[in-house]
Amino acid sequence: MRKMYKLFILGILLFVSHSLFAQTKTVEAEGMWQIANITPEKARMLAMERAKAKALEEAGIETFVSSSTSTVSDLVENFINFSNSEIIGEFTDIKILEDRPVVIDDIVFYKVRIRAKVKTNNVKYDPGFDAQVSGFAVAYNEGDNLQFSVTPTKDCYVQIFWFDDTGNGGILYPNEMEKTQPLKAKTEKTFPQSDQLEYTLYKETKEDMEGNSFVFVFTKKERPYSKATKDGSTTLDDLYQWIIKIPSDQRVTKQEAIFIGRKGR
């Protein structure tokens, strides 16, 4: 009888480590996710998250399985919660050692193996640094224009990224028509910033409803994102590795999730 594999992504809740002294551990871990009813790209992201959770466990940080994740929006939400949590451990570097589909008992999985540096100490945050994002609706029709605003508590900069349900992603702001501008503390800023620009929503799949996530990265200093390709596309993994290298007291990340429906449905 064929073995059945059920691999669940970890919704990570981190508890106090057995040591309060700062130390960095280098660990290796792997994760797999079955490629069934999802794209290989999405299976790869889920396998990566499982590998990260295992790496934390290898570093001696206790994890808790809270839920399974089936959408990119859920994956982004877990990632945002993780990056904003006051945890006793954080990744300082992640290198991919293996990244490919594998076949086990005639079942196709995506396998990711990583070598990670995990810093196990109290993470320093600035409790006075935060930001509010407003103006998003839950659902839109394809072709609608997106408009929203942000209000930070301190002077800062923001970079905005998007990811759809297929795992594709890119930079929404800054862009060719909107260069990076500093944000003023307690001052609302509306996007798009130019009347000549529209953030028009499009679906990438044939589903009636498609999920999209927007990630806002607020930083006290200007920190240009350099991991995008020439056409502005990026991956959640690249974004994650960029964010974790920004000192925790210098950044705040936020997420907004929406659904895009077929026009005239």
Protein backbone atom coordinates (compact mmCIF):
# COMPACT_ATOMS: atom_id res chain seq x y z
CA MET A 1 0.00 0.00 0.00
CA ARG A 2 1.37 3.39 -0.98
CA LYS A 3 2.43 5.58 1.90
CA MET A 4 0.43 8.75 2.29
CA TYR A 5 2.30 11.91 3.19
CA LYS A 6 0.70 14.87 4.88
CA LEU A 7 3.07 17.74 5.33
CA PHE A 8 1.79 20.80 7.15
CA ILE A 9 3.36 24.22 7.28
CA LEU A 10 4.03 25.45 10.77
CA GLY A 11 2.33 28.54 12.07
CA ILE A 12 5.22 29.49 14.27
CA LEU A 13 4.86 30.58 17.87
CA LEU A 14 8.21 30.86 19.55
CA PHE A 15 8.77 30.41 23.26
CA VAL A 16 11.64 31.33 25.56
CA SER A 17 14.84 29.47 24.81
CA HIS A 18 16.75 27.62 27.50
CA SER A 19 19.52 30.22 27.21
CA LEU A 20 19.27 33.99 27.56
CA PHE A 21 22.78 34.58 26.26
CA ALA A 22 23.21 35.73 22.68
CA GLN A 23 24.62 33.08 20.41
CA THR A 24 24.49 32.19 16.74
CA LYS A 25 24.02 28.62 15.63
CA THR A 26 24.49 27.28 12.11
CA VAL A 27 22.06 24.48 11.34
CA GLU A 28 20.87 22.51 8.32
CA ALA A 29 17.27 21.52 7.74
CA GLU A 30 14.99 20.39 4.93
CA GLY A 31 11.34 20.65 4.11
CA MET A 32 9.09 18.98 1.54
CA TRP A 33 5.63 19.72 0.19
CA GLN A 34 3.57 17.59 -2.16
CA ILE A 35 2.93 19.07 -5.60
CA ALA A 36 -0.78 18.29 -5.82
CA ASN A 37 -3.40 20.80 -6.96
CA ILE A 38 -0.87 23.60 -6.54
CA THR A 39 1.91 24.99 -8.70
CA PRO A 40 5.53 23.87 -8.20
CA GLU A 41 6.34 27.47 -7.23
CA LYS A 42 3.79 27.43 -4.42
CA ALA A 43 4.93 23.98 -3.26
CA ARG A 44 8.47 25.34 -3.16
CA MET A 45 7.45 28.22 -0.89
CA LEU A 46 5.62 25.87 1.46
CA ALA A 47 8.62 23.53 1.55
CA MET A 48 10.86 26.49 2.33
CA GLU A 49 8.67 27.52 5.28
CA ARG A 50 8.77 23.99 6.65
CA ALA A 51 12.57 23.97 6.33
CA LYS A 52 12.77 27.27 8.24
CA ALA A 53 10.59 25.89 11.04
CA LYS A 54 12.82 22.81 11.31
CA ALA A 55 15.92 25.02 11.35
CA LEU A 56 14.54 26.89 14.36
CA GLU A 57 13.93 23.60 16.12
CA GLU A 58 17.47 22.46 15.32
CA ALA A 59 18.75 25.69 16.88
CA GLY A 60 16.96 24.84 20.12
CA ILE A 61 13.99 27.17 19.68
CA GLU A 62 10.69 25.55 20.55
CA THR A 63 7.95 25.80 17.92
CA PHE A 64 4.24 25.16 18.06
CA VAL A 65 2.06 23.79 15.27
CA SER A 66 -0.97 26.09 15.16
CA SER A 67 -2.51 25.52 11.74
CA SER A 68 -1.98 24.26 8.24
CA THR A 69 -1.52 26.75 5.44
CA SER A 70 -3.03 26.35 1.98
CA THR A 71 -2.83 29.82 0.46
CA VAL A 72 -0.08 32.28 -0.31
CA SER A 73 -2.00 34.89 1.68
CA ASP A 74 -1.81 32.67 4.77
CA LEU A 75 1.87 32.09 4.13
CA VAL A 76 2.52 35.84 3.92
CA GLU A 77 0.51 36.42 7.11
CA ASN A 78 2.59 33.86 9.01
CA PHE A 79 5.74 35.45 7.65
CA ILE A 80 4.63 38.96 8.72
CA ASN A 81 3.65 37.77 12.19
CA PHE A 82 6.99 36.01 12.54
CA SER A 83 9.02 39.02 11.42
CA ASN A 84 7.19 41.32 13.85
CA SER A 85 7.20 39.01 16.88
CA GLU A 86 9.38 39.58 19.91
CA ILE A 87 11.05 36.23 19.63
CA ILE A 88 14.11 34.67 21.19
CA GLY A 89 15.55 33.69 17.85
CA GLU A 90 15.84 35.12 14.37
CA PHE A 91 17.49 34.16 11.11
CA THR A 92 20.54 36.20 10.17
CA ASP A 93 21.32 34.27 6.98
CA ILE A 94 19.78 31.50 4.90
CA LYS A 95 21.53 29.63 2.08
CA ILE A 96 19.73 27.14 -0.14
CA LEU A 97 21.63 23.86 -0.50
CA GLU A 98 19.01 21.85 -2.41
CA ASP A 99 16.03 23.12 -4.34
CA ARG A 100 14.23 20.63 -6.60
CA PRO A 101 11.25 18.32 -7.12
CA VAL A 102 11.69 14.73 -5.88
CA VAL A 103 9.63 11.58 -6.34
CA ILE A 104 8.90 9.36 -3.33
CA ASP A 105 6.71 6.28 -3.81
CA ASP A 106 5.41 7.74 -7.09
CA ILE A 107 4.38 10.98 -5.33
CA VAL A 108 5.99 14.22 -6.45
CA PHE A 109 7.22 16.59 -3.75
CA TYR A 110 9.18 19.79 -3.78
CA LYS A 111 12.25 19.54 -1.57
CA VAL A 112 14.23 22.42 -0.10
CA ARG A 113 17.31 22.00 2.07
CA ILE A 114 18.89 25.03 3.73
CA ARG A 115 21.84 26.05 5.88
CA ALA A 116 20.73 28.80 8.25
CA LYS A 117 22.34 30.98 10.87
CA VAL A 118 19.97 31.46 13.79
CA LYS A 119 20.65 34.10 16.43
CA THR A 120 19.13 33.05 19.73
CA ASN A 121 18.76 36.09 21.94
CA ASN A 122 16.23 38.71 22.87
CA VAL A 123 15.29 40.70 19.80
CA LYS A 124 15.29 44.45 20.29
CA TYR A 125 12.30 46.35 18.95
CA ASP A 126 11.27 49.98 19.03
CA PRO A 127 7.78 49.90 20.56
CA GLY A 128 7.19 53.48 19.40
CA PHE A 129 7.75 52.63 15.74
CA ASP A 130 4.59 51.46 14.00
CA ALA A 131 2.41 52.28 11.00
CA GLN A 132 -1.25 52.12 10.03
CA VAL A 133 -2.41 51.01 6.59
CA SER A 134 -5.96 51.95 5.58
CA GLY A 135 -8.23 52.10 2.53
CA PHE A 136 -8.21 48.44 1.49
CA ALA A 137 -11.46 46.62 0.74
CA VAL A 138 -11.84 42.86 1.12
CA ALA A 139 -12.80 42.21 -2.50
CA TYR A 140 -12.37 43.95 -5.85
CA ASN A 141 -13.24 43.24 -9.48
CA GLU A 142 -10.58 42.74 -12.11
CA GLY A 143 -9.78 46.12 -13.60
CA ASP A 144 -10.53 48.08 -10.43
CA ASN A 145 -7.98 50.64 -9.28
CA LEU A 146 -6.42 50.26 -5.87
CA GLN A 147 -6.01 53.24 -3.56
CA PHE A 148 -4.86 53.26 0.06
CA SER A 149 -2.95 55.32 2.61
CA VAL A 150 -0.29 54.81 5.27
CA THR A 151 0.37 56.71 8.48
CA PRO A 152 3.62 55.98 10.35
CA THR A 153 4.30 56.93 13.95
CA LYS A 154 7.86 58.07 13.12
CA ASP A 155 9.65 59.55 10.12
CA CYS A 156 10.50 56.65 7.82
CA TYR A 157 10.43 55.17 4.33
CA VAL A 158 8.19 52.47 2.89
CA GLN A 159 8.50 49.88 0.15
CA ILE A 160 5.42 47.99 -0.99
CA PHE A 161 5.36 44.49 -2.52
CA TRP A 162 2.58 42.31 -3.93
CA PHE A 163 2.15 38.53 -4.21
CA ASP A 164 -0.63 36.61 -5.95
CA ASP A 165 -1.99 33.12 -5.29
CA THR A 166 0.38 31.58 -7.83
CA GLY A 167 3.40 32.80 -5.84
CA ASN A 168 4.35 35.52 -8.31
CA GLY A 169 5.38 38.82 -6.76
CA GLY A 170 6.84 42.21 -7.47
CA ILE A 171 7.42 45.75 -6.27
CA LEU A 172 4.43 48.09 -6.29
CA TYR A 173 6.27 51.09 -4.81
CA PRO A 174 8.65 52.71 -5.58
CA ASN A 175 8.25 52.49 -9.36
CA GLU A 176 9.27 54.36 -12.51
CA MET A 177 6.69 57.08 -11.92
CA GLU A 178 6.99 57.23 -8.14
CA LYS A 179 10.42 57.61 -6.64
CA THR A 180 11.05 56.92 -2.97
CA GLN A 181 9.83 59.76 -0.77
CA PRO A 182 10.26 60.06 3.02
CA LEU A 183 7.14 59.68 5.14
CA LYS A 184 6.46 62.13 7.95
CA ALA A 185 5.49 60.96 11.43
CA LYS A 186 1.74 60.94 12.15
CA THR A 187 1.04 62.22 8.62
CA GLU A 188 -1.21 60.27 6.24
CA LYS A 189 0.21 59.53 2.79
CA THR A 190 -2.05 58.35 -0.04
CA PHE A 191 -1.01 55.93 -2.81
CA PRO A 192 -0.73 56.22 -5.74
CA GLN A 193 1.00 59.53 -5.10
CA SER A 194 0.45 60.80 -8.63
CA ASP A 195 -2.87 61.51 -10.37
CA GLN A 196 -1.22 60.23 -13.54
CA LEU A 197 -0.76 56.74 -12.11
CA GLU A 198 -3.25 53.98 -11.34
CA TYR A 199 -2.73 50.73 -9.46
CA THR A 200 -4.96 48.54 -11.63
CA LEU A 201 -5.76 45.05 -10.39
CA TYR A 202 -5.47 42.02 -12.68
CA LYS A 203 -6.02 38.31 -12.15
CA GLU A 204 -3.26 35.84 -12.97
CA THR A 205 -5.37 32.68 -12.73
CA LYS A 206 -8.63 31.43 -14.23
CA GLU A 207 -10.26 31.05 -10.81
CA ASP A 208 -13.38 33.10 -10.10
CA MET A 209 -11.65 34.64 -7.09
CA GLU A 210 -7.91 35.13 -6.72
CA GLY A 211 -6.13 36.08 -3.52
CA ASN A 212 -3.49 38.81 -3.46
CA SER A 213 -1.29 39.99 -0.61
CA PHE A 214 0.48 43.30 -0.17
CA VAL A 215 3.51 43.60 2.09
CA PHE A 216 4.52 47.00 3.47
CA VAL A 217 8.07 47.33 4.79
CA PHE A 218 8.63 50.50 6.80
CA THR A 219 12.24 51.37 7.63
CA LYS A 220 13.72 54.28 9.57
CA LYS A 221 16.45 54.70 6.96
CA GLU A 222 16.16 54.39 3.20
CA ARG A 223 17.09 50.81 2.31
CA PRO A 224 16.57 50.18 -1.44
CA TYR A 225 15.44 46.67 -2.31
CA SER A 226 18.00 45.19 -4.71
CA LYS A 227 16.78 41.61 -5.13
CA ALA A 228 14.12 42.27 -7.78
CA THR A 229 14.72 41.38 -11.43
CA LYS A 230 14.80 43.99 -14.18
CA ASP A 231 11.04 43.75 -14.67
CA GLY A 232 10.44 44.36 -10.94
CA SER A 233 9.45 40.81 -10.03
CA THR A 234 10.61 39.11 -6.86
CA THR A 235 9.98 36.11 -4.62
CA LEU A 236 8.77 35.85 -1.06
CA ASP A 237 12.00 34.07 -0.14
CA ASP A 238 14.15 36.92 -1.44
CA LEU A 239 11.99 39.46 0.35
CA TYR A 240 12.24 37.46 3.56
CA GLN A 241 16.03 37.26 3.41
CA TRP A 242 16.24 41.01 2.79
CA ILE A 243 13.95 41.85 5.71
CA ILE A 244 15.70 39.65 8.28
CA LYS A 245 18.98 41.46 7.65
CA ILE A 246 17.43 44.79 8.67
CA PRO A 247 17.85 45.35 12.44
CA SER A 248 14.59 44.59 14.23
CA ASP A 249 14.34 48.04 15.82
CA GLN A 250 14.68 49.65 12.38
CA ARG A 251 11.72 48.01 10.61
CA VAL A 252 8.01 47.32 10.77
CA THR A 253 6.17 45.04 8.34
CA LYS A 254 2.45 45.06 7.58
CA GLN A 255 0.18 42.97 5.35
CA GLU A 256 -3.11 43.52 3.55
CA ALA A 257 -4.91 40.63 1.83
CA ILE A 258 -7.58 41.07 -0.83
CA PHE A 259 -9.57 39.00 -3.33
CA ILE A 260 -9.90 39.88 -7.00
CA GLY A 261 -13.00 38.60 -8.78
CA ARG A 262 -13.76 38.21 -12.46
CA LYS A 263 -15.31 41.38 -13.86
CA GLY A 264 -19.02 41.00 -14.51
CA ARG A 265 -19.26 37.74 -12.62
